[in-house]
Protein backbone atom coordinates (compact mmCIF):
# COMPACT_ATOMS: atom_id res chain seq x y z
CA MET A 1 2.01 -4.32 41.70
CA ALA A 2 4.02 -3.92 44.83
CA LEU A 3 3.63 -0.19 44.92
CA THR A 4 -0.15 -0.29 44.71
CA VAL A 5 -0.62 -0.38 48.48
CA SER A 6 1.78 2.43 49.29
CA PHE A 7 0.84 4.37 46.19
CA GLY A 8 -2.88 3.61 46.17
CA LEU A 9 -3.78 7.14 46.96
CA ALA A 10 -6.82 9.04 47.87
CA ALA A 11 -5.28 11.98 46.12
CA CYS A 12 -4.25 10.59 43.32
CA GLY A 13 -34.47 21.81 17.68
CA SER A 14 -31.95 23.46 15.25
CA ASP A 15 -31.25 27.11 14.55
CA ASP A 16 -32.29 26.61 10.92
CA GLU A 17 -35.72 25.52 12.06
CA ALA A 18 -35.85 28.51 14.37
CA SER A 19 -35.14 30.87 11.49
CA SER A 20 -37.81 29.40 9.18
CA SER A 21 -40.33 32.03 10.31
CA SER A 22 -40.36 35.24 12.29
CA SER A 23 -42.58 33.68 14.94
CA SER A 24 -40.23 30.76 15.49
CA GLU A 25 -37.33 33.20 15.73
CA SER A 26 -38.95 35.01 18.61
CA THR A 27 -39.68 31.68 20.27
CA SER A 28 -36.08 30.54 20.00
CA GLU A 29 -34.82 33.79 21.51
CA SER A 30 -36.75 33.06 24.68
CA THR A 31 -35.71 29.43 24.96
CA PRO A 32 -33.50 29.01 28.11
CA SER A 33 -31.51 26.10 26.73
CA GLU A 34 -30.42 28.08 23.69
CA GLU A 35 -29.57 31.11 25.81
CA SER A 36 -27.13 28.94 27.81
CA SER A 37 -25.36 27.50 24.77
CA PRO A 38 -22.91 30.43 24.28
CA THR A 39 -21.60 29.86 27.82
CA GLU A 40 -21.18 26.16 27.16
CA GLU A 41 -19.35 26.86 23.92
CA ALA A 42 -17.03 29.33 25.66
CA ALA A 43 -16.10 26.73 28.27
CA ALA A 44 -15.39 24.17 25.58
CA GLU A 45 -13.21 26.52 23.54
CA GLY A 46 -10.86 27.75 26.27
CA GLU A 47 -8.98 26.63 29.35
CA PHE A 48 -10.91 26.43 32.60
CA GLY A 49 -10.22 25.78 36.28
CA ALA A 50 -8.74 27.56 39.28
CA ALA A 51 -5.22 26.17 38.74
CA CYS A 52 -5.02 27.76 35.31
CA ALA A 53 -3.94 30.88 37.18
CA ASP A 54 -0.71 29.06 38.10
CA VAL A 55 0.27 28.61 34.46
CA PRO A 56 2.72 31.27 33.19
CA ALA A 57 1.03 34.13 31.34
CA ASP A 58 3.64 34.13 28.58
CA GLY A 59 6.66 32.25 27.30
CA PRO A 60 7.06 28.56 26.41
CA GLY A 61 5.11 27.40 29.49
CA SER A 62 2.10 29.59 28.77
CA PHE A 63 -1.03 28.26 27.11
CA GLN A 64 0.02 29.88 23.84
CA GLY A 65 3.55 28.51 24.11
CA MET A 66 2.36 24.99 24.94
CA SER A 67 -0.03 24.96 21.98
CA THR A 68 2.85 24.98 19.50
CA GLU A 69 4.82 22.04 20.96
CA PRO A 70 4.11 18.30 21.34
CA VAL A 71 2.82 17.38 24.76
CA ALA A 72 5.95 16.17 26.59
CA THR A 73 7.97 19.14 25.34
CA ALA A 74 5.12 21.52 26.17
CA ALA A 75 4.81 20.14 29.70
CA SER A 76 8.55 20.51 30.29
CA ALA A 77 8.18 24.28 29.98
CA ASN A 78 5.33 24.44 32.49
CA PRO A 79 6.51 24.69 36.13
CA VAL A 80 3.16 23.29 37.35
CA LEU A 81 4.08 19.91 35.80
CA SER A 82 7.78 19.56 36.66
CA THR A 83 7.42 16.36 38.71
CA LEU A 84 5.38 14.72 35.96
CA VAL A 85 8.02 15.71 33.41
CA THR A 86 10.70 14.07 35.57
CA ALA A 87 8.61 10.88 35.75
CA VAL A 88 8.03 10.83 32.00
CA GLY A 89 11.77 11.16 31.43
CA GLU A 90 12.59 8.34 33.88
CA ALA A 91 10.09 6.07 32.12
CA GLY A 92 11.53 6.88 28.69
CA LEU A 93 8.15 8.05 27.42
CA VAL A 94 9.11 11.47 26.02
CA ASP A 95 9.30 10.33 22.40
CA THR A 96 6.19 8.17 22.73
CA LEU A 97 4.10 11.07 24.02
CA ASN A 98 5.56 13.57 21.59
CA THR A 99 5.01 11.44 18.49
CA THR A 100 1.60 9.92 19.24
CA GLU A 101 -1.09 11.82 17.39
CA ASP A 102 -4.30 13.04 19.00
CA ILE A 103 -4.23 12.00 22.65
CA THR A 104 -5.70 13.24 25.90
CA VAL A 105 -3.40 13.47 28.91
CA PHE A 106 -4.57 13.64 32.52
CA ALA A 107 -1.53 15.41 33.93
CA PRO A 108 -0.98 15.34 37.73
CA ALA A 109 0.18 18.70 39.03
CA ASN A 110 3.20 18.84 41.35
CA ALA A 111 0.89 19.02 44.36
CA ALA A 112 -0.64 15.67 43.38
CA PHE A 113 2.73 13.95 43.69
CA GLU A 114 3.47 15.81 46.93
CA ALA A 115 0.25 14.40 48.40
CA VAL A 116 1.44 10.86 47.65
CA GLY A 117 4.63 11.34 49.62
CA GLU A 118 8.28 11.54 48.70
CA GLU A 119 9.10 7.93 49.61
CA ALA A 120 6.33 6.49 47.45
CA VAL A 121 7.19 8.76 44.53
CA ASN A 122 10.89 7.92 44.71
CA GLY A 123 10.04 4.22 44.83
CA LEU A 124 7.92 4.56 41.72
CA LEU A 125 10.60 6.54 39.89
CA ALA A 126 13.06 3.73 40.61
CA ASP A 127 10.79 1.07 39.08
CA LYS A 128 10.59 1.78 35.33
CA GLU A 129 8.01 -0.93 34.61
CA ALA A 130 5.66 0.24 37.36
CA LEU A 131 6.23 3.87 36.43
CA THR A 132 5.39 3.23 32.79
CA ASN A 133 2.27 1.35 33.86
CA VAL A 134 1.09 4.30 35.94
CA LEU A 135 1.94 7.03 33.45
CA THR A 136 0.32 5.36 30.44
CA TYR A 137 -2.83 4.99 32.55
CA HIS A 138 -3.04 8.80 32.40
CA VAL A 139 -3.22 8.85 28.58
CA VAL A 140 -6.29 8.25 26.42
CA PRO A 141 -6.38 8.02 22.62
CA GLY A 142 -8.16 10.93 20.94
CA LYS A 143 -8.29 14.61 21.83
CA LEU A 144 -11.29 14.81 24.15
CA ALA A 145 -13.11 18.14 24.30
CA PRO A 146 -14.81 19.00 27.60
CA GLU A 147 -18.21 18.01 26.24
CA ASP A 148 -16.85 14.54 25.41
CA LEU A 149 -14.85 14.06 28.59
CA ALA A 150 -17.40 12.34 30.84
CA GLY A 151 -17.54 8.59 30.33
CA THR A 152 -15.32 5.54 30.38
CA HIS A 153 -12.20 5.59 28.21
CA GLU A 154 -9.60 2.95 27.44
CA THR A 155 -6.10 4.19 28.31
CA LEU A 156 -2.79 3.49 26.59
CA GLN A 157 -2.03 1.26 29.56
CA GLY A 158 -4.96 -0.94 28.53
CA GLU A 159 -7.31 -0.47 31.46
CA ASP A 160 -10.32 1.83 31.49
CA VAL A 161 -10.52 5.14 33.33
CA THR A 162 -13.83 6.80 34.14
CA VAL A 163 -14.47 10.52 34.13
CA GLU A 164 -17.54 12.00 35.80
CA GLY A 165 -18.96 15.49 35.71
CA SER A 166 -19.94 18.19 33.24
CA GLY A 167 -19.34 21.82 32.35
CA GLU A 168 -16.15 22.76 34.17
CA GLU A 169 -16.40 20.26 37.05
CA PHE A 170 -14.89 16.82 36.46
CA THR A 171 -13.39 14.02 38.54
CA VAL A 172 -11.15 11.34 37.10
CA GLY A 173 -10.63 7.73 38.18
CA ASP A 174 -11.35 5.90 41.43
CA ALA A 175 -9.28 8.44 43.36
CA ASP A 176 -11.73 11.16 42.29
CA ALA A 177 -8.91 13.39 41.13
CA ASN A 178 -10.31 16.81 40.22
CA VAL A 179 -9.62 18.55 36.95
CA VAL A 180 -8.06 21.80 38.18
CA CYS A 181 -7.09 23.24 34.79
CA GLY A 182 -8.74 21.75 31.75
CA ASN A 183 -8.76 21.90 27.97
CA VAL A 184 -5.11 22.91 27.65
CA GLN A 185 -4.00 22.44 24.06
CA THR A 186 -0.63 21.22 22.78
CA ALA A 187 0.37 20.36 19.23
CA ASN A 188 -0.77 16.74 19.56
CA ALA A 189 -2.78 16.52 22.79
CA THR A 190 -5.48 17.98 24.96
CA VAL A 191 -4.30 18.18 28.57
CA TYR A 192 -6.40 18.14 31.74
CA ILE A 193 -4.28 19.01 34.79
CA ILE A 194 -5.52 17.05 37.82
CA ASP A 195 -4.90 17.15 41.57
CA GLY A 196 -4.36 13.40 42.03
CA VAL A 197 -2.21 10.58 40.69
CA LEU A 198 -4.25 7.86 39.00
CA MET A 199 -3.50 4.20 39.71
CA PRO A 200 -4.49 1.46 37.26
CA PRO A 201 -6.58 -1.37 38.69
CA ALA A 202 -4.50 -4.00 40.45
CA ALA A 203 -3.60 -6.94 38.23
């Protein structure tokens, strides 16, 4: 793809068993791994990441507001994702994203596009085929919870994307884009806001 060079960015034992006797209960209470599980569950159940502070506290663009709308509509109300929303509209992918059930979206924040540069972004926006190729590389079938995020996943674009990390620290793709606000829920998708734009492997 012609834009790959200019756009190939750097910034883009169970509890039941434990309760079977009083002695095993006291043992389980002192087990470090079980003491840490509430923290892990809390991270998996809510949004995490420093950039979550940039999301509106209320209204359609808030976490609560986004949770009631399909993903493209939800993103359009969030000022952190305005450049991505413009790109999705130019590619004609609004209906596709809104009507596809159970997906995970790695959503570049505005700063991710700014790091690429205005000329490269404008060139991509003017090339619908290339734009579609890039945007669908940011979408994975299935709603991935944080505990399932690490690994290699086939994207809607067809190529694989690899996520590394655990807990609340993840990087995505060859560009090592960081998840800066994760586990954001919409009506049909789980969204991980990232600080880079992902590029599919060159054909």
